[in-house]
Protein backbone atom coordinates (compact mmCIF):
# COMPACT_ATOMS: atom_id res chain seq x y z
CA UNK A 1 19.18 -11.27 -4.52
CA UNK A 2 18.61 -14.60 -2.84
CA UNK A 3 17.32 -16.46 -5.76
CA UNK A 4 14.39 -14.12 -6.18
CA UNK A 5 13.95 -12.71 -9.65
CA UNK A 6 11.39 -9.84 -10.15
CA UNK A 7 10.81 -8.34 -13.50
CA UNK A 8 9.07 -5.31 -12.03
CA UNK A 9 8.46 -4.78 -8.36
CA UNK A 10 5.50 -2.38 -8.77
CA UNK A 11 2.50 -4.04 -6.94
CA UNK A 12 -0.51 -3.43 -9.06
CA UNK A 13 -3.30 -5.76 -8.30
CA UNK A 14 -6.32 -7.10 -9.88
CA UNK A 15 -9.75 -7.74 -7.95
CA UNK A 16 -9.42 -11.47 -7.87
CA UNK A 17 -11.92 -13.49 -5.67
CA UNK A 18 -9.26 -16.15 -4.70
CA UNK A 19 -6.63 -13.85 -3.71
CA UNK A 20 -4.71 -14.67 -0.50
CA UNK A 21 -3.76 -11.14 0.36
CA UNK A 22 -3.47 -7.94 -1.51
CA UNK A 23 0.09 -7.61 -0.49
CA UNK A 24 1.22 -11.13 -1.09
CA UNK A 25 4.46 -11.39 -3.13
CA UNK A 26 5.09 -14.85 -4.38
CA UNK A 27 8.97 -15.54 -4.12
CA UNK A 28 10.97 -18.14 -6.16
CA UNK A 29 13.52 -20.00 -4.11
CA UNK A 30 15.99 -21.20 -6.76
CA UNK A 31 17.81 -24.11 -4.66
CA UNK A 32 14.81 -26.72 -4.51
CA UNK A 33 13.25 -25.78 -7.79
CA UNK A 34 12.86 -28.50 -10.40
CA UNK A 35 12.35 -26.16 -13.23
CA UNK A 36 9.18 -28.02 -14.01
CA UNK A 37 7.14 -25.17 -14.99
CA UNK A 38 4.24 -26.09 -13.05
CA UNK A 39 3.77 -22.62 -11.52
CA UNK A 40 4.22 -21.03 -14.97
CA UNK A 41 1.50 -23.35 -16.48
CA UNK A 42 -1.06 -22.72 -13.77
CA UNK A 43 -0.74 -18.96 -13.24
CA UNK A 44 -4.23 -17.69 -14.10
CA UNK A 45 -2.79 -14.21 -15.14
CA UNK A 46 0.34 -15.36 -17.02
CA UNK A 47 2.62 -13.48 -14.40
CA UNK A 48 5.41 -16.18 -14.39
CA UNK A 49 7.81 -17.20 -16.99
CA UNK A 50 10.52 -19.76 -17.09
CA UNK A 51 13.43 -18.19 -18.82
CA UNK A 52 17.41 -19.15 -18.81
CA UNK A 53 16.50 -21.81 -16.26
CA UNK A 54 14.95 -19.30 -13.79
CA UNK A 55 11.41 -18.55 -12.74
CA UNK A 56 10.71 -14.83 -13.48
CA UNK A 57 7.72 -13.24 -11.73
CA UNK A 58 6.08 -10.07 -13.01
CA UNK A 59 4.48 -8.49 -9.97
CA UNK A 60 2.63 -5.78 -12.09
CA UNK A 61 0.51 -8.88 -13.45
CA UNK A 62 0.51 -11.03 -10.28
CA UNK A 63 -2.91 -11.11 -8.60
CA UNK A 64 -1.69 -12.61 -5.39
CA UNK A 65 -4.16 -15.94 -5.75
CA UNK A 66 -1.39 -18.14 -4.44
CA UNK A 67 -2.05 -20.92 -7.09
CA UNK A 68 1.91 -20.97 -7.85
CA UNK A 69 2.56 -21.56 -4.25
CA UNK A 70 -0.05 -24.43 -3.96
CA UNK A 71 1.15 -26.34 -7.10
CA UNK A 72 4.80 -26.29 -6.53
CA UNK A 73 5.83 -29.93 -5.95
CA UNK A 74 8.87 -28.85 -3.96
CA UNK A 75 7.72 -25.62 -2.21
CA UNK A 76 9.95 -23.53 -4.37
CA UNK A 77 7.48 -20.68 -4.45
CA UNK A 78 6.81 -19.02 -1.05
CA UNK A 79 4.38 -16.19 0.10
CA UNK A 80 6.29 -13.05 1.04
CA UNK A 81 5.02 -9.55 2.09
CA UNK A 82 5.59 -6.20 0.24
């Protein structure tokens, strides 16, 4: 699955004023990830967790704001499309 771990692929979105795109799906790239938790700590809706040394993204909760993409120090979160 190419280092992408999705808890639930359903794409329910909240109306959030800073959303990049309503169909933006953040994707975790395992290789460069430092497991620092910066993305987890800054997610405004708590859609990300660090579990068993992996970043898990709950796309039911994600609002597409892109905060996780901008905060990652090694670009281990990237923007994808549904």
